[in-house]
Amino acid sequence: MALSLHDGLNITEDSQRPFAIEFVTFDQSRKKGGEIIKLTNAVRVGAKHNQKANDTISVKQIGNSNHPYIVHTHLILSINEQQLFV
């Protein structure tokens, strides 16, 4: 079953409820990208005003002290193992 991007992003809104996410990396300033990242126990973090302007969200793997991932919303492949469509 596929989810719309809107419905998928709604799943990520609850910071108390972890989700699985798969996305493609993209960093225009460093001219890097194309790596597929899968997080199985992630939560959404960060300021929403900057993310809305840039079509990005920040996600962090629970139990991992690494820096959060900045994810371009249109490069999200799946949430909770359900493919997304735009």
PDB file of N, CA and C in Angstrom:
ATOM      1  N   MET A   1       0.846  -1.181   0.000  1.00  0.00           N
ATOM      2  CA  MET A   1       0.000   0.000   0.000  1.00  0.00           C
ATOM      3  C   MET A   1       0.889   1.242   0.000  1.00  0.00           C
ATOM      4  N   ALA A   2       0.600   2.205  -0.837  1.00  0.00           N
ATOM      5  CA  ALA A   2       1.381   3.436  -0.934  1.00  0.00           C
ATOM      6  C   ALA A   2       0.697   4.559  -0.147  1.00  0.00           C
ATOM      7  N   LEU A   3       1.516   5.473   0.342  1.00  0.00           N
ATOM      8  CA  LEU A   3       1.041   6.643   1.081  1.00  0.00           C
ATOM      9  C   LEU A   3       1.317   7.897   0.275  1.00  0.00           C
ATOM     10  N   SER A   4       0.482   8.902   0.437  1.00  0.00           N
ATOM     11  CA  SER A   4       0.806  10.196  -0.148  1.00  0.00           C
ATOM     12  C   SER A   4       1.911  10.829   0.694  1.00  0.00           C
ATOM     13  N   LEU A   5       2.653  11.741   0.103  1.00  0.00           N
ATOM     14  CA  LEU A   5       3.699  12.443   0.839  1.00  0.00           C
ATOM     15  C   LEU A   5       3.100  13.145   2.052  1.00  0.00           C
ATOM     16  N   HIS A   6       1.965  13.763   1.889  1.00  0.00           N
ATOM     17  CA  HIS A   6       1.285  14.465   2.982  1.00  0.00           C
ATOM     18  C   HIS A   6       0.980  13.515   4.142  1.00  0.00           C
ATOM     19  N   ASP A   7       0.390  12.362   3.843  1.00  0.00           N
ATOM     20  CA  ASP A   7       0.062  11.389   4.894  1.00  0.00           C
ATOM     21  C   ASP A   7       1.314  10.837   5.554  1.00  0.00           C
ATOM     22  N   GLY A   8       2.351  10.607   4.757  1.00  0.00           N
ATOM     23  CA  GLY A   8       3.611  10.117   5.312  1.00  0.00           C
ATOM     24  C   GLY A   8       4.230  11.115   6.271  1.00  0.00           C
ATOM     25  N   LEU A   9       4.215  12.380   5.898  1.00  0.00           N
ATOM     26  CA  LEU A   9       4.769  13.409   6.776  1.00  0.00           C
ATOM     27  C   LEU A   9       3.950  13.568   8.048  1.00  0.00           C
ATOM     28  N   ASN A  10       2.655  13.353   7.959  1.00  0.00           N
ATOM     29  CA  ASN A  10       1.821  13.399   9.164  1.00  0.00           C
ATOM     30  C   ASN A  10       2.233  12.330  10.166  1.00  0.00           C
ATOM     31  N   ILE A  11       2.640  11.169   9.680  1.00  0.00           N
ATOM     32  CA  ILE A  11       3.095  10.097  10.571  1.00  0.00           C
ATOM     33  C   ILE A  11       4.314  10.557  11.366  1.00  0.00           C
ATOM     34  N   THR A  12       5.165  11.351  10.754  1.00  0.00           N
ATOM     35  CA  THR A  12       6.405  11.780  11.410  1.00  0.00           C
ATOM     36  C   THR A  12       6.197  12.910  12.419  1.00  0.00           C
ATOM     37  N   GLU A  13       5.031  13.514  12.452  1.00  0.00           N
ATOM     38  CA  GLU A  13       4.770  14.677  13.319  1.00  0.00           C
ATOM     39  C   GLU A  13       4.855  14.363  14.813  1.00  0.00           C
ATOM     40  N   ASP A  14       4.446  13.175  15.230  1.00  0.00           N
ATOM     41  CA  ASP A  14       4.395  12.821  16.651  1.00  0.00           C
ATOM     42  C   ASP A  14       5.789  12.418  17.124  1.00  0.00           C
ATOM     43  N   SER A  15       6.446  13.290  17.880  1.00  0.00           N
ATOM     44  CA  SER A  15       7.815  13.028  18.319  1.00  0.00           C
ATOM     45  C   SER A  15       7.906  11.911  19.358  1.00  0.00           C
ATOM     46  N   GLN A  16       6.764  11.463  19.874  1.00  0.00           N
ATOM     47  CA  GLN A  16       6.747  10.368  20.851  1.00  0.00           C
ATOM     48  C   GLN A  16       6.570   9.001  20.188  1.00  0.00           C
ATOM     49  N   ARG A  17       6.345   9.003  18.880  1.00  0.00           N
ATOM     50  CA  ARG A  17       6.053   7.757  18.163  1.00  0.00           C
ATOM     51  C   ARG A  17       7.099   7.522  17.064  1.00  0.00           C
ATOM     52  N   PRO A  18       8.043   6.609  17.305  1.00  0.00           N
ATOM     53  CA  PRO A  18       9.088   6.342  16.307  1.00  0.00           C
ATOM     54  C   PRO A  18       8.517   5.750  15.012  1.00  0.00           C
ATOM     55  N   PHE A  19       9.235   5.951  13.935  1.00  0.00           N
ATOM     56  CA  PHE A  19       8.826   5.442  12.628  1.00  0.00           C
ATOM     57  C   PHE A  19      10.063   4.973  11.869  1.00  0.00           C
ATOM     58  N   ALA A  20       9.851   4.216  10.826  1.00  0.00           N
ATOM     59  CA  ALA A  20      10.920   3.821   9.907  1.00  0.00           C
ATOM     60  C   ALA A  20      10.865   4.744   8.705  1.00  0.00           C
ATOM     61  N   ILE A  21      12.039   5.111   8.186  1.00  0.00           N
ATOM     62  CA  ILE A  21      12.091   5.999   7.028  1.00  0.00           C
ATOM     63  C   ILE A  21      13.241   5.580   6.118  1.00  0.00           C
ATOM     64  N   GLU A  22      13.010   5.695   4.836  1.00  0.00           N
ATOM     65  CA  GLU A  22      14.037   5.431   3.831  1.00  0.00           C
ATOM     66  C   GLU A  22      14.055   6.630   2.887  1.00  0.00           C
ATOM     67  N   PHE A  23      15.246   7.182   2.654  1.00  0.00           N
ATOM     68  CA  PHE A  23      15.356   8.386   1.832  1.00  0.00           C
ATOM     69  C   PHE A  23      16.686   8.394   1.087  1.00  0.00           C
ATOM     70  N   VAL A  24      16.759   9.282   0.094  1.00  0.00           N
ATOM     71  CA  VAL A  24      17.972   9.461  -0.700  1.00  0.00           C
ATOM     72  C   VAL A  24      18.639  10.749  -0.235  1.00  0.00           C
ATOM     73  N   THR A  25      19.958  10.705  -0.048  1.00  0.00           N
ATOM     74  CA  THR A  25      20.691  11.887   0.394  1.00  0.00           C
ATOM     75  C   THR A  25      20.905  12.862  -0.759  1.00  0.00           C
ATOM     76  N   PHE A  26      21.055  14.145  -0.405  1.00  0.00           N
ATOM     77  CA  PHE A  26      21.345  15.181  -1.388  1.00  0.00           C
ATOM     78  C   PHE A  26      21.969  16.368  -0.673  1.00  0.00           C
ATOM     79  N   ASP A  27      23.168  16.779  -1.098  1.00  0.00           N
ATOM     80  CA  ASP A  27      23.844  17.942  -0.550  1.00  0.00           C
ATOM     81  C   ASP A  27      24.391  18.746  -1.725  1.00  0.00           C
ATOM     82  N   GLN A  28      23.649  19.737  -2.139  1.00  0.00           N
ATOM     83  CA  GLN A  28      24.015  20.526  -3.319  1.00  0.00           C
ATOM     84  C   GLN A  28      25.335  21.267  -3.116  1.00  0.00           C
ATOM     85  N   SER A  29      25.579  21.806  -1.937  1.00  0.00           N
ATOM     86  CA  SER A  29      26.790  22.591  -1.714  1.00  0.00           C
ATOM     87  C   SER A  29      28.055  21.738  -1.809  1.00  0.00           C
ATOM     88  N   ARG A  30      27.959  20.478  -1.440  1.00  0.00           N
ATOM     89  CA  ARG A  30      29.114  19.576  -1.515  1.00  0.00           C
ATOM     90  C   ARG A  30      29.098  18.706  -2.772  1.00  0.00           C
ATOM     91  N   LYS A  31      28.044  18.862  -3.564  1.00  0.00           N
ATOM     92  CA  LYS A  31      27.854  18.071  -4.782  1.00  0.00           C
ATOM     93  C   LYS A  31      27.941  16.572  -4.489  1.00  0.00           C
ATOM     94  N   LYS A  32      27.203  16.181  -3.435  1.00  0.00           N
ATOM     95  CA  LYS A  32      27.150  14.777  -3.025  1.00  0.00           C
ATOM     96  C   LYS A  32      25.697  14.364  -2.901  1.00  0.00           C
ATOM     97  N   GLY A  33      25.441  13.097  -3.087  1.00  0.00           N
ATOM     98  CA  GLY A  33      24.093  12.595  -2.902  1.00  0.00           C
ATOM     99  C   GLY A  33      23.917  11.249  -3.570  1.00  0.00           C
ATOM    100  N   GLY A  34      22.718  10.753  -3.473  1.00  0.00           N
ATOM    101  CA  GLY A  34      22.383   9.495  -4.109  1.00  0.00           C
ATOM    102  C   GLY A  34      22.492   8.282  -3.212  1.00  0.00           C
ATOM    103  N   GLU A  35      22.947   8.473  -1.971  1.00  0.00           N
ATOM    104  CA  GLU A  35      23.036   7.351  -1.043  1.00  0.00           C
ATOM    105  C   GLU A  35      21.661   7.108  -0.421  1.00  0.00           C
ATOM    106  N   ILE A  36      21.249   5.852  -0.369  1.00  0.00           N
ATOM    107  CA  ILE A  36      19.968   5.516   0.272  1.00  0.00           C
ATOM    108  C   ILE A  36      20.234   5.217   1.741  1.00  0.00           C
ATOM    109  N   ILE A  37      19.519   5.926   2.605  1.00  0.00           N
ATOM    110  CA  ILE A  37      19.633   5.763   4.053  1.00  0.00           C
ATOM    111  C   ILE A  37      18.341   5.154   4.568  1.00  0.00           C
ATOM    112  N   LYS A  38      18.462   4.148   5.436  1.00  0.00           N
ATOM    113  CA  LYS A  38      17.297   3.535   6.086  1.00  0.00           C
ATOM    114  C   LYS A  38      17.467   3.671   7.591  1.00  0.00           C
ATOM    115  N   LEU A  39      16.485   4.269   8.236  1.00  0.00           N
ATOM    116  CA  LEU A  39      16.448   4.375   9.689  1.00  0.00           C
ATOM    117  C   LEU A  39      15.221   3.618  10.164  1.00  0.00           C
ATOM    118  N   THR A  40      15.383   2.759  11.150  1.00  0.00           N
ATOM    119  CA  THR A  40      14.258   1.913  11.574  1.00  0.00           C
ATOM    120  C   THR A  40      13.545   2.408  12.819  1.00  0.00           C
ATOM    121  N   ASN A  41      14.172   3.275  13.573  1.00  0.00           N
ATOM    122  CA  ASN A  41      13.584   3.734  14.826  1.00  0.00           C
ATOM    123  C   ASN A  41      13.877   5.223  14.973  1.00  0.00           C
ATOM    124  N   ALA A  42      13.252   6.030  14.128  1.00  0.00           N
ATOM    125  CA  ALA A  42      13.571   7.455  14.041  1.00  0.00           C
ATOM    126  C   ALA A  42      12.447   8.319  14.596  1.00  0.00           C
ATOM    127  N   VAL A  43      12.817   9.537  14.967  1.00  0.00           N
ATOM    128  CA  VAL A  43      11.848  10.564  15.352  1.00  0.00           C
ATOM    129  C   VAL A  43      12.229  11.855  14.642  1.00  0.00           C
ATOM    130  N   ARG A  44      11.251  12.708  14.494  1.00  0.00           N
ATOM    131  CA  ARG A  44      11.465  13.999  13.845  1.00  0.00           C
ATOM    132  C   ARG A  44      11.917  15.007  14.892  1.00  0.00           C
ATOM    133  N   VAL A  45      12.915  15.824  14.545  1.00  0.00           N
ATOM    134  CA  VAL A  45      13.463  16.822  15.470  1.00  0.00           C
ATOM    135  C   VAL A  45      13.674  18.134  14.717  1.00  0.00           C
ATOM    136  N   GLY A  46      13.880  19.224  15.442  1.00  0.00           N
ATOM    137  CA  GLY A  46      14.279  20.473  14.802  1.00  0.00           C
ATOM    138  C   GLY A  46      13.183  21.499  14.653  1.00  0.00           C
ATOM    139  N   ALA A  47      13.599  22.677  14.165  1.00  0.00           N
ATOM    140  CA  ALA A  47      12.706  23.819  13.985  1.00  0.00           C
ATOM    141  C   ALA A  47      11.910  23.673  12.694  1.00  0.00           C
ATOM    142  N   LYS A  48      10.613  23.860  12.781  1.00  0.00           N
ATOM    143  CA  LYS A  48       9.746  23.656  11.623  1.00  0.00           C
ATOM    144  C   LYS A  48       9.736  24.826  10.647  1.00  0.00           C
ATOM    145  N   HIS A  49      10.011  26.045  11.093  1.00  0.00           N
ATOM    146  CA  HIS A  49       9.914  27.190  10.187  1.00  0.00           C
ATOM    147  C   HIS A  49      10.961  27.124   9.069  1.00  0.00           C
ATOM    148  N   ASN A  50      12.191  26.761   9.373  1.00  0.00           N
ATOM    149  CA  ASN A  50      13.219  26.631   8.343  1.00  0.00           C
ATOM    150  C   ASN A  50      12.936  25.443   7.428  1.00  0.00           C
ATOM    151  N   GLN A  51      12.437  24.374   7.986  1.00  0.00           N
ATOM    152  CA  GLN A  51      12.175  23.165   7.216  1.00  0.00           C
ATOM    153  C   GLN A  51      11.053  23.380   6.221  1.00  0.00           C
ATOM    154  N   LYS A  52      10.047  24.112   6.611  1.00  0.00           N
ATOM    155  CA  LYS A  52       8.930  24.376   5.705  1.00  0.00           C
ATOM    156  C   LYS A  52       9.390  25.173   4.490  1.00  0.00           C
ATOM    157  N   ALA A  53      10.232  26.146   4.712  1.00  0.00           N
ATOM    158  CA  ALA A  53      10.732  26.986   3.622  1.00  0.00           C
ATOM    159  C   ALA A  53      11.616  26.200   2.659  1.00  0.00           C
ATOM    160  N   ASN A  54      12.301  25.186   3.166  1.00  0.00           N
ATOM    161  CA  ASN A  54      13.241  24.419   2.346  1.00  0.00           C
ATOM    162  C   ASN A  54      12.723  23.040   1.939  1.00  0.00           C
ATOM    163  N   ASP A  55      11.489  22.706   2.271  1.00  0.00           N
ATOM    164  CA  ASP A  55      10.930  21.368   2.009  1.00  0.00           C
ATOM    165  C   ASP A  55      11.818  20.272   2.577  1.00  0.00           C
ATOM    166  N   THR A  56      12.234  20.446   3.825  1.00  0.00           N
ATOM    167  CA  THR A  56      13.052  19.449   4.494  1.00  0.00           C
ATOM    168  C   THR A  56      12.464  19.129   5.871  1.00  0.00           C
ATOM    169  N   ILE A  57      12.863  17.982   6.399  1.00  0.00           N
ATOM    170  CA  ILE A  57      12.591  17.626   7.785  1.00  0.00           C
ATOM    171  C   ILE A  57      13.907  17.128   8.375  1.00  0.00           C
ATOM    172  N   SER A  58      14.020  17.160   9.678  1.00  0.00           N
ATOM    173  CA  SER A  58      15.185  16.598  10.372  1.00  0.00           C
ATOM    174  C   SER A  58      14.731  15.362  11.117  1.00  0.00           C
ATOM    175  N   VAL A  59      15.465  14.275  10.941  1.00  0.00           N
ATOM    176  CA  VAL A  59      15.146  13.035  11.633  1.00  0.00           C
ATOM    177  C   VAL A  59      16.388  12.506  12.319  1.00  0.00           C
ATOM    178  N   LYS A  60      16.161  11.821  13.433  1.00  0.00           N
ATOM    179  CA  LYS A  60      17.264  11.270  14.214  1.00  0.00           C
ATOM    180  C   LYS A  60      16.910   9.865  14.658  1.00  0.00           C
ATOM    181  N   GLN A  61      17.878   8.972  14.556  1.00  0.00           N
ATOM    182  CA  GLN A  61      17.717   7.602  15.021  1.00  0.00           C
ATOM    183  C   GLN A  61      17.724   7.611  16.542  1.00  0.00           C
ATOM    184  N   ILE A  62      16.722   6.995  17.172  1.00  0.00           N
ATOM    185  CA  ILE A  62      16.665   6.920  18.630  1.00  0.00           C
ATOM    186  C   ILE A  62      17.826   6.060  19.119  1.00  0.00           C
ATOM    187  N   GLY A  63      18.467   6.501  20.186  1.00  0.00           N
ATOM    188  CA  GLY A  63      19.565   5.751  20.775  1.00  0.00           C
ATOM    189  C   GLY A  63      20.891   5.953  20.068  1.00  0.00           C
ATOM    190  N   ASN A  64      20.950   6.904  19.158  1.00  0.00           N
ATOM    191  CA  ASN A  64      22.177   7.177  18.421  1.00  0.00           C
ATOM    192  C   ASN A  64      22.526   8.644  18.643  1.00  0.00           C
ATOM    193  N   SER A  65      23.755   8.913  19.009  1.00  0.00           N
ATOM    194  CA  SER A  65      24.151  10.293  19.302  1.00  0.00           C
ATOM    195  C   SER A  65      24.629  11.046  18.063  1.00  0.00           C
ATOM    196  N   ASN A  66      24.543  10.437  16.892  1.00  0.00           N
ATOM    197  CA  ASN A  66      24.946  11.116  15.657  1.00  0.00           C
ATOM    198  C   ASN A  66      24.063  12.330  15.393  1.00  0.00           C
ATOM    199  N   HIS A  67      24.568  13.236  14.594  1.00  0.00           N
ATOM    200  CA  HIS A  67      23.843  14.436  14.189  1.00  0.00           C
ATOM    201  C   HIS A  67      22.591  14.033  13.413  1.00  0.00           C
ATOM    202  N   PRO A  68      21.484  14.763  13.561  1.00  0.00           N
ATOM    203  CA  PRO A  68      20.265  14.427  12.800  1.00  0.00           C
ATOM    204  C   PRO A  68      20.487  14.542  11.293  1.00  0.00           C
ATOM    205  N   TYR A  69      19.728  13.787  10.546  1.00  0.00           N
ATOM    206  CA  TYR A  69      19.747  13.865   9.089  1.00  0.00           C
ATOM    207  C   TYR A  69      18.772  14.942   8.639  1.00  0.00           C
ATOM    208  N   ILE A  70      19.195  15.792   7.710  1.00  0.00           N
ATOM    209  CA  ILE A  70      18.296  16.734   7.057  1.00  0.00           C
ATOM    210  C   ILE A  70      17.812  16.023   5.795  1.00  0.00           C
ATOM    211  N   VAL A  71      16.492  15.845   5.689  1.00  0.00           N
ATOM    212  CA  VAL A  71      15.911  15.049   4.608  1.00  0.00           C
ATOM    213  C   VAL A  71      15.029  15.943   3.738  1.00  0.00           C
ATOM    214  N   HIS A  72      15.299  15.969   2.456  1.00  0.00           N
ATOM    215  CA  HIS A  72      14.431  16.675   1.510  1.00  0.00           C
ATOM    216  C   HIS A  72      13.160  15.839   1.359  1.00  0.00           C
ATOM    217  N   THR A  73      12.019  16.442   1.601  1.00  0.00           N
ATOM    218  CA  THR A  73      10.771  15.672   1.650  1.00  0.00           C
ATOM    219  C   THR A  73      10.483  14.931   0.350  1.00  0.00           C
ATOM    220  N   HIS A  74      10.879  15.490  -0.777  1.00  0.00           N
ATOM    221  CA  HIS A  74      10.595  14.837  -2.056  1.00  0.00           C
ATOM    222  C   HIS A  74      11.572  13.713  -2.373  1.00  0.00           C
ATOM    223  N   LEU A  75      12.553  13.498  -1.488  1.00  0.00           N
ATOM    224  CA  LEU A  75      13.492  12.398  -1.660  1.00  0.00           C
ATOM    225  C   LEU A  75      13.234  11.263  -0.677  1.00  0.00           C
ATOM    226  N   ILE A  76      12.097  11.325   0.017  1.00  0.00           N
ATOM    227  CA  ILE A  76      11.703  10.232   0.907  1.00  0.00           C
ATOM    228  C   ILE A  76      11.106   9.122   0.055  1.00  0.00           C
ATOM    229  N   LEU A  77      11.628   7.926   0.224  1.00  0.00           N
ATOM    230  CA  LEU A  77      11.145   6.771  -0.544  1.00  0.00           C
ATOM    231  C   LEU A  77      10.015   6.046   0.168  1.00  0.00           C
ATOM    232  N   SER A  78      10.140   5.885   1.504  1.00  0.00           N
ATOM    233  CA  SER A  78       9.102   5.176   2.247  1.00  0.00           C
ATOM    234  C   SER A  78       9.100   5.612   3.706  1.00  0.00           C
ATOM    235  N   ILE A  79       7.944   5.446   4.326  1.00  0.00           N
ATOM    236  CA  ILE A  79       7.765   5.658   5.758  1.00  0.00           C
ATOM    237  C   ILE A  79       7.002   4.445   6.274  1.00  0.00           C
ATOM    238  N   ASN A  80       7.547   3.852   7.333  1.00  0.00           N
ATOM    239  CA  ASN A  80       6.980   2.619   7.888  1.00  0.00           C
ATOM    240  C   ASN A  80       6.797   1.549   6.816  1.00  0.00           C
ATOM    241  N   GLU A  81       7.812   1.471   5.953  1.00  0.00           N
ATOM    242  CA  GLU A  81       7.881   0.466   4.886  1.00  0.00           C
ATOM    243  C   GLU A  81       6.736   0.578   3.873  1.00  0.00           C
ATOM    244  N   GLN A  82       6.127   1.744   3.781  1.00  0.00           N
ATOM    245  CA  GLN A  82       5.092   2.016   2.781  1.00  0.00           C
ATOM    246  C   GLN A  82       5.661   3.064   1.816  1.00  0.00           C
ATOM    247  N   GLN A  83       5.699   2.721   0.544  1.00  0.00           N
ATOM    248  CA  GLN A  83       6.216   3.643  -0.452  1.00  0.00           C
ATOM    249  C   GLN A  83       5.374   4.910  -0.496  1.00  0.00           C
ATOM    250  N   LEU A  84       6.023   6.026  -0.826  1.00  0.00           N
ATOM    251  CA  LEU A  84       5.330   7.301  -0.930  1.00  0.00           C
ATOM    252  C   LEU A  84       5.129   7.687  -2.385  1.00  0.00           C
ATOM    253  N   PHE A  85       4.054   8.409  -2.629  1.00  0.00           N
ATOM    254  CA  PHE A  85       3.843   9.029  -3.942  1.00  0.00           C
ATOM    255  C   PHE A  85       3.550  10.501  -3.710  1.00  0.00           C
ATOM    256  N   VAL A  86       3.889  11.305  -4.684  1.00  0.00           N
ATOM    257  CA  VAL A  86       3.708  12.761  -4.565  1.00  0.00           C
ATOM    258  C   VAL A  86       2.419  13.167  -5.238  1.00  0.00           C
TER     259      VAL A  86
END
